[in-house]
């Protein structure tokens, strides 16, 4: 007999949850009540993103980020971690991600920073 869609879904959700670092999990008190339609302030208020993360994820467009990276004013790993944290928060609020590769993204960013430093 084949596995039910419910058990497949449960297994996938558990896999997704296991790929979010514990320190990026939303505290229970920041979970919005049922029926909340606007969760835009939660990333700013939940305590997961520090000031640099907020600056990186809110104050730059893609072109400006590339310019900051090329000039060495930002590190790839910092930009990657900031956006991964924000994606983790968003996923916990909206279930928006299908595959989560935060660890691999950070590893790649470290390699890119190393390459740029040479």
N, C-alpha and C. Protein backbone atom coordinates (compact mmCIF):
# COMPACT_ATOMS: atom_id res chain seq x y z
N UNK A 1 0.85 -1.18 0.00
CA UNK A 1 0.00 0.00 0.00
C UNK A 1 0.89 1.25 0.00
N UNK A 2 0.49 2.23 -0.76
CA UNK A 2 1.29 3.44 -0.86
C UNK A 2 1.05 4.36 0.34
N UNK A 3 2.01 5.19 0.56
CA UNK A 3 1.97 6.14 1.66
C UNK A 3 0.92 7.21 1.38
N UNK A 4 0.19 7.63 2.41
CA UNK A 4 -0.84 8.65 2.23
C UNK A 4 -0.20 10.02 2.02
N UNK A 5 -0.93 10.90 1.37
CA UNK A 5 -0.42 12.24 1.15
C UNK A 5 -0.20 12.97 2.47
N UNK A 6 -1.03 12.62 3.48
CA UNK A 6 -0.89 13.27 4.78
C UNK A 6 0.45 12.92 5.43
N UNK A 7 0.85 11.66 5.34
CA UNK A 7 2.13 11.28 5.95
C UNK A 7 3.31 11.84 5.15
N UNK A 8 3.17 11.91 3.83
CA UNK A 8 4.21 12.52 3.00
C UNK A 8 4.35 14.00 3.35
N UNK A 9 3.23 14.68 3.49
CA UNK A 9 3.23 16.11 3.84
C UNK A 9 3.85 16.33 5.22
N UNK A 10 3.48 15.50 6.17
CA UNK A 10 4.03 15.62 7.53
C UNK A 10 5.54 15.43 7.51
N UNK A 11 6.01 14.43 6.80
CA UNK A 11 7.44 14.16 6.72
C UNK A 11 8.19 15.36 6.09
N UNK A 12 7.61 15.92 5.03
CA UNK A 12 8.24 17.07 4.36
C UNK A 12 8.30 18.28 5.28
N UNK A 13 7.22 18.55 6.00
CA UNK A 13 7.21 19.68 6.93
C UNK A 13 8.25 19.49 8.04
N UNK A 14 8.40 18.27 8.51
CA UNK A 14 9.42 17.99 9.53
C UNK A 14 10.82 18.21 8.96
N UNK A 15 11.02 17.79 7.71
CA UNK A 15 12.31 18.00 7.06
C UNK A 15 12.60 19.50 6.93
N UNK A 16 11.60 20.27 6.49
CA UNK A 16 11.78 21.72 6.37
C UNK A 16 12.14 22.33 7.72
N UNK A 17 11.39 21.97 8.75
CA UNK A 17 11.63 22.53 10.08
C UNK A 17 13.02 22.19 10.59
N UNK A 18 13.51 21.01 10.27
CA UNK A 18 14.83 20.59 10.75
C UNK A 18 15.96 21.38 10.08
N UNK A 19 15.68 22.02 8.98
CA UNK A 19 16.71 22.78 8.26
C UNK A 19 16.75 24.25 8.65
N UNK A 20 15.90 24.65 9.57
CA UNK A 20 15.93 26.02 10.08
C UNK A 20 16.71 25.99 11.40
N UNK A 21 17.83 26.73 11.47
CA UNK A 21 18.61 26.74 12.72
C UNK A 21 17.74 27.16 13.91
N UNK A 22 17.98 26.54 15.04
CA UNK A 22 17.17 26.81 16.24
C UNK A 22 17.12 28.30 16.59
N UNK A 23 18.26 28.98 16.39
CA UNK A 23 18.29 30.40 16.76
C UNK A 23 17.48 31.27 15.79
N UNK A 24 17.02 30.70 14.70
CA UNK A 24 16.19 31.43 13.74
C UNK A 24 14.71 31.08 13.90
N UNK A 25 14.36 30.29 14.90
CA UNK A 25 12.96 29.94 15.11
C UNK A 25 12.25 31.08 15.83
N UNK A 26 11.05 31.37 15.36
CA UNK A 26 10.28 32.45 15.97
C UNK A 26 9.87 32.08 17.39
N UNK A 27 10.05 32.99 18.33
CA UNK A 27 9.54 32.75 19.68
C UNK A 27 8.02 32.64 19.64
N UNK A 28 7.47 31.80 20.49
CA UNK A 28 6.02 31.57 20.50
C UNK A 28 5.23 32.87 20.64
N UNK A 29 5.76 33.80 21.43
CA UNK A 29 5.02 35.05 21.66
C UNK A 29 4.95 35.95 20.44
N UNK A 30 5.75 35.68 19.41
CA UNK A 30 5.67 36.50 18.20
C UNK A 30 4.74 35.90 17.15
N UNK A 31 4.20 34.72 17.42
CA UNK A 31 3.26 34.13 16.46
C UNK A 31 1.99 34.96 16.42
N UNK A 32 1.57 35.35 15.23
CA UNK A 32 0.36 36.17 15.13
C UNK A 32 -0.88 35.34 15.45
N UNK A 33 -1.90 35.97 15.99
CA UNK A 33 -3.14 35.24 16.26
C UNK A 33 -3.80 34.80 14.95
N UNK A 34 -4.59 33.75 14.99
CA UNK A 34 -5.29 33.31 13.78
C UNK A 34 -6.09 34.45 13.17
N UNK A 35 -6.08 34.51 11.85
CA UNK A 35 -6.82 35.54 11.14
C UNK A 35 -6.01 36.80 10.86
N UNK A 36 -4.80 36.88 11.38
CA UNK A 36 -3.94 38.03 11.11
C UNK A 36 -3.56 38.04 9.64
N UNK A 37 -3.80 39.16 8.97
CA UNK A 37 -3.51 39.21 7.54
C UNK A 37 -2.23 39.98 7.22
N UNK A 38 -1.69 40.72 8.17
CA UNK A 38 -0.48 41.49 7.90
C UNK A 38 0.60 41.11 8.92
N UNK A 39 1.65 40.47 8.43
CA UNK A 39 2.75 40.04 9.30
C UNK A 39 4.06 40.75 8.93
N UNK A 40 3.96 41.87 8.22
CA UNK A 40 5.15 42.55 7.73
C UNK A 40 6.09 43.05 8.83
N UNK A 41 5.57 43.39 10.00
CA UNK A 41 6.42 43.91 11.07
C UNK A 41 7.12 42.82 11.88
N UNK A 42 6.69 41.59 11.76
CA UNK A 42 7.26 40.53 12.58
C UNK A 42 8.77 40.37 12.38
N UNK A 43 9.30 40.40 11.14
CA UNK A 43 10.76 40.28 11.01
C UNK A 43 11.52 41.37 11.78
N UNK A 44 10.97 42.57 11.84
CA UNK A 44 11.64 43.67 12.54
C UNK A 44 11.54 43.53 14.06
N UNK A 45 10.48 42.89 14.53
CA UNK A 45 10.20 42.88 15.96
C UNK A 45 10.51 41.56 16.67
N UNK A 46 10.79 40.50 15.92
CA UNK A 46 10.92 39.18 16.54
C UNK A 46 12.25 38.95 17.24
N UNK A 47 13.26 39.78 16.96
CA UNK A 47 14.55 39.63 17.62
C UNK A 47 15.54 38.72 16.91
N UNK A 48 15.16 38.13 15.81
CA UNK A 48 16.07 37.24 15.07
C UNK A 48 17.04 38.05 14.22
N UNK A 49 16.54 39.10 13.60
CA UNK A 49 17.38 39.94 12.75
C UNK A 49 18.01 41.05 13.59
N UNK A 50 19.35 41.19 13.48
CA UNK A 50 20.00 42.31 14.17
C UNK A 50 19.96 43.54 13.25
N UNK A 51 20.54 44.63 13.72
CA UNK A 51 20.50 45.88 12.95
C UNK A 51 21.13 45.73 11.57
N UNK A 52 22.27 45.03 11.49
CA UNK A 52 22.92 44.85 10.19
C UNK A 52 22.04 44.02 9.26
N UNK A 53 21.41 42.96 9.79
CA UNK A 53 20.52 42.14 8.97
C UNK A 53 19.37 42.98 8.41
N UNK A 54 18.79 43.81 9.26
CA UNK A 54 17.68 44.66 8.81
C UNK A 54 18.16 45.65 7.75
N UNK A 55 19.32 46.23 7.97
CA UNK A 55 19.86 47.18 6.98
C UNK A 55 20.07 46.48 5.64
N UNK A 56 20.69 45.31 5.66
CA UNK A 56 20.96 44.58 4.43
C UNK A 56 19.68 44.20 3.71
N UNK A 57 18.69 43.72 4.44
CA UNK A 57 17.48 43.20 3.79
C UNK A 57 16.43 44.26 3.48
N UNK A 58 16.59 45.46 4.03
CA UNK A 58 15.57 46.48 3.79
C UNK A 58 16.06 47.73 3.06
N UNK A 59 17.35 47.99 3.08
CA UNK A 59 17.84 49.27 2.55
C UNK A 59 18.53 49.21 1.20
N UNK A 60 18.65 48.04 0.63
CA UNK A 60 19.35 47.91 -0.65
C UNK A 60 18.48 47.20 -1.66
N UNK A 61 18.60 47.62 -2.92
CA UNK A 61 18.05 46.79 -4.00
C UNK A 61 19.19 45.89 -4.47
N UNK A 62 18.91 45.01 -5.44
CA UNK A 62 19.91 44.04 -5.89
C UNK A 62 21.16 44.72 -6.44
N UNK A 63 20.98 45.78 -7.20
CA UNK A 63 22.12 46.49 -7.78
C UNK A 63 23.01 47.09 -6.70
N UNK A 64 22.40 47.72 -5.72
CA UNK A 64 23.18 48.33 -4.63
C UNK A 64 23.90 47.26 -3.81
N UNK A 65 23.26 46.12 -3.59
CA UNK A 65 23.94 45.04 -2.87
C UNK A 65 25.17 44.56 -3.62
N UNK A 66 25.04 44.39 -4.93
CA UNK A 66 26.19 43.95 -5.73
C UNK A 66 27.31 44.98 -5.65
N UNK A 67 26.96 46.26 -5.70
CA UNK A 67 27.98 47.31 -5.60
C UNK A 67 28.69 47.26 -4.25
N UNK A 68 27.94 47.06 -3.18
CA UNK A 68 28.52 46.99 -1.84
C UNK A 68 29.42 45.76 -1.71
N UNK A 69 28.99 44.65 -2.28
CA UNK A 69 29.80 43.42 -2.25
C UNK A 69 31.08 43.60 -3.05
N UNK A 70 30.97 44.17 -4.24
CA UNK A 70 32.14 44.36 -5.11
C UNK A 70 33.15 45.31 -4.48
N UNK A 71 32.65 46.31 -3.76
CA UNK A 71 33.54 47.27 -3.12
C UNK A 71 34.12 46.75 -1.80
N UNK A 72 33.62 45.62 -1.35
CA UNK A 72 34.12 45.05 -0.10
C UNK A 72 33.50 45.64 1.14
N UNK A 73 32.47 46.45 0.99
CA UNK A 73 31.82 47.05 2.15
C UNK A 73 30.86 46.07 2.83
N UNK A 74 30.43 45.06 2.10
CA UNK A 74 29.63 43.97 2.66
C UNK A 74 30.29 42.66 2.28
N UNK A 75 30.11 41.66 3.13
CA UNK A 75 30.60 40.31 2.85
C UNK A 75 29.43 39.45 2.36
N UNK A 76 29.73 38.56 1.44
CA UNK A 76 28.71 37.65 0.91
C UNK A 76 28.05 36.86 2.03
N UNK A 77 28.84 36.41 2.98
CA UNK A 77 28.28 35.59 4.05
C UNK A 77 27.30 36.39 4.90
N UNK A 78 27.57 37.67 5.12
CA UNK A 78 26.64 38.50 5.90
C UNK A 78 25.34 38.72 5.16
N UNK A 79 25.44 38.99 3.86
CA UNK A 79 24.24 39.19 3.04
C UNK A 79 23.43 37.90 2.97
N UNK A 80 24.12 36.80 2.76
CA UNK A 80 23.44 35.50 2.65
C UNK A 80 22.74 35.15 3.95
N UNK A 81 23.44 35.28 5.07
CA UNK A 81 22.82 34.96 6.36
C UNK A 81 21.61 35.85 6.63
N UNK A 82 21.73 37.13 6.32
CA UNK A 82 20.62 38.05 6.57
C UNK A 82 19.38 37.63 5.78
N UNK A 83 19.57 37.31 4.50
CA UNK A 83 18.42 36.90 3.70
C UNK A 83 17.92 35.51 4.07
N UNK A 84 18.81 34.63 4.48
CA UNK A 84 18.37 33.31 4.94
C UNK A 84 17.54 33.44 6.22
N UNK A 85 17.98 34.28 7.14
CA UNK A 85 17.20 34.50 8.36
C UNK A 85 15.81 35.03 8.02
N UNK A 86 15.78 36.00 7.12
CA UNK A 86 14.50 36.60 6.74
C UNK A 86 13.61 35.57 6.05
N UNK A 87 14.20 34.73 5.21
CA UNK A 87 13.43 33.67 4.55
C UNK A 87 12.90 32.67 5.58
N UNK A 88 13.71 32.36 6.60
CA UNK A 88 13.27 31.43 7.65
C UNK A 88 12.08 32.01 8.41
N UNK A 89 12.14 33.29 8.71
CA UNK A 89 11.02 33.96 9.38
C UNK A 89 9.78 33.91 8.50
N UNK A 90 9.94 34.28 7.24
CA UNK A 90 8.81 34.28 6.31
C UNK A 90 8.19 32.90 6.18
N UNK A 91 9.05 31.89 6.10
CA UNK A 91 8.53 30.52 5.96
C UNK A 91 7.71 30.12 7.18
N UNK A 92 8.17 30.48 8.36
CA UNK A 92 7.43 30.13 9.57
C UNK A 92 6.08 30.82 9.64
N UNK A 93 5.96 31.95 8.98
CA UNK A 93 4.70 32.69 8.99
C UNK A 93 3.77 32.30 7.84
N UNK A 94 4.35 31.91 6.70
CA UNK A 94 3.52 31.72 5.50
C UNK A 94 3.71 30.39 4.79
N UNK A 95 4.65 29.56 5.25
CA UNK A 95 4.94 28.27 4.59
C UNK A 95 5.29 28.49 3.11
N UNK A 96 6.19 29.45 2.85
CA UNK A 96 6.49 29.88 1.48
C UNK A 96 7.62 29.12 0.81
N UNK A 97 8.38 28.33 1.54
CA UNK A 97 9.53 27.63 0.96
C UNK A 97 9.20 26.16 0.70
N UNK A 98 9.75 25.63 -0.38
CA UNK A 98 9.59 24.19 -0.63
C UNK A 98 10.86 23.45 -0.26
N UNK A 99 12.00 23.97 -0.65
CA UNK A 99 13.29 23.37 -0.32
C UNK A 99 14.12 24.40 0.42
N UNK A 100 14.77 23.97 1.49
CA UNK A 100 15.55 24.88 2.32
C UNK A 100 17.01 24.43 2.30
N UNK A 101 17.88 25.33 1.84
CA UNK A 101 19.31 25.05 1.73
C UNK A 101 20.14 26.17 2.36
N UNK A 102 19.77 26.59 3.55
CA UNK A 102 20.48 27.68 4.20
C UNK A 102 21.95 27.33 4.45
N UNK A 103 22.20 26.13 4.94
CA UNK A 103 23.57 25.73 5.25
C UNK A 103 24.46 25.77 4.00
N UNK A 104 23.95 25.25 2.91
CA UNK A 104 24.72 25.25 1.66
C UNK A 104 24.94 26.67 1.15
N UNK A 105 23.94 27.52 1.31
CA UNK A 105 24.07 28.91 0.86
C UNK A 105 25.17 29.63 1.63
N UNK A 106 25.23 29.42 2.93
CA UNK A 106 26.26 30.07 3.75
C UNK A 106 27.64 29.52 3.38
N UNK A 107 27.74 28.22 3.16
CA UNK A 107 29.03 27.63 2.74
C UNK A 107 29.50 28.26 1.42
N UNK A 108 28.60 28.42 0.48
CA UNK A 108 28.95 29.01 -0.81
C UNK A 108 29.37 30.47 -0.63
N UNK A 109 28.66 31.20 0.20
CA UNK A 109 29.00 32.60 0.45
C UNK A 109 30.40 32.72 1.07
N UNK A 110 30.73 31.84 1.98
CA UNK A 110 32.08 31.85 2.57
C UNK A 110 33.14 31.61 1.50
N UNK A 111 32.87 30.68 0.59
CA UNK A 111 33.81 30.40 -0.51
C UNK A 111 33.96 31.62 -1.42
N UNK A 112 32.86 32.30 -1.69
CA UNK A 112 32.92 33.50 -2.53
C UNK A 112 33.70 34.62 -1.84
N UNK A 113 33.48 34.79 -0.55
CA UNK A 113 34.25 35.81 0.18
C UNK A 113 35.74 35.48 0.14
N UNK A 114 36.06 34.21 0.31
CA UNK A 114 37.46 33.79 0.26
C UNK A 114 38.05 34.10 -1.11
N UNK A 115 37.30 33.83 -2.15
CA UNK A 115 37.76 34.11 -3.52
C UNK A 115 37.99 35.61 -3.73
N UNK A 116 37.04 36.43 -3.26
CA UNK A 116 37.17 37.88 -3.43
C UNK A 116 38.32 38.46 -2.62
N UNK A 117 38.64 37.82 -1.50
CA UNK A 117 39.73 38.31 -0.65
C UNK A 117 41.11 38.04 -1.26
N UNK A 118 41.18 37.13 -2.21
CA UNK A 118 42.48 36.77 -2.81
C UNK A 118 42.88 37.72 -3.91
